């Protein structure tokens, strides 16, 4: 989940039209919490962690978040050794994007999906959520709040901040944040940081909550004296060239795989989605 992805998702004017439901495979008339369960082909499911994964699963393979996530997936996988067993259904929504006709997108149940993948299940039990973009985001957050892998306080604050900046200039922002459990004092801090970031000519949706706090304090991850992302990009690019020369350019697939292993699956996916959206804006 990243504020910029949520912000652009909320601002999109693309209609949330539904596909032909007759192509969806039924699941023996099963229901879950009053909703029909449908079996959706794994190949028809799209995962967008920068939008709907509210937990911190990045940080590389040695991070506590990565270990916590993998342990949860392992525990979920155990009952699936029996091919007759199914976990609680995954929640999906049909999301249209400007660059595609739309896909079934997982909005809740990412760990269960990984457990099914581990056992090579071809069709995944799903329930379909219908709503507007704000309702979809709030449904994803609400489901994560109730999940058996509890969200940490840090994850909750990041999620609340993400929705706060994602709802810029939208009505009912304060009510929505209070309804999902945001403390009034926290909401006031969000407003102060949003105003402070805008005063510096920056966009709040480009910052996670942690980054927003660092920025307001005048602290940058790499350079405490000055926040200049463009200079940081240039320096890192030069450092990589000094280290790898033309080798990375000549073997982009190898370099990409190495970068993915270094960053971790979650952070790498966020990076790919971020640049895809940036490229689209420039077009």
Foldseek 3Di string as FASTA:
>chain_A
DALLVLQCLLPDPDDQDDDDPVPWAADPQDADPPFGKTWAFPVQEDEQCNQAVLAPCWDFCPDPSVVLLVVVLVVLLVVVVPVVDADPAFEWEWDQDPVDRTTTYGRADPSSSVSCVVVPDGIGIYGYDDDDSLVSSVVSVVRQCVDPSHHDPLSVLQSLLSQLLSQVPHPCSVVVSVVSPNDPVSVVVSVVLCVQQVVVVHRSSNDGPVRSVCVSVCQDPVDSPDDDVVVVVVVVVVVVCVVQPCNCVVCVVVVLVVVCNNTDVSVSSVVVVVVVVVVVVVD
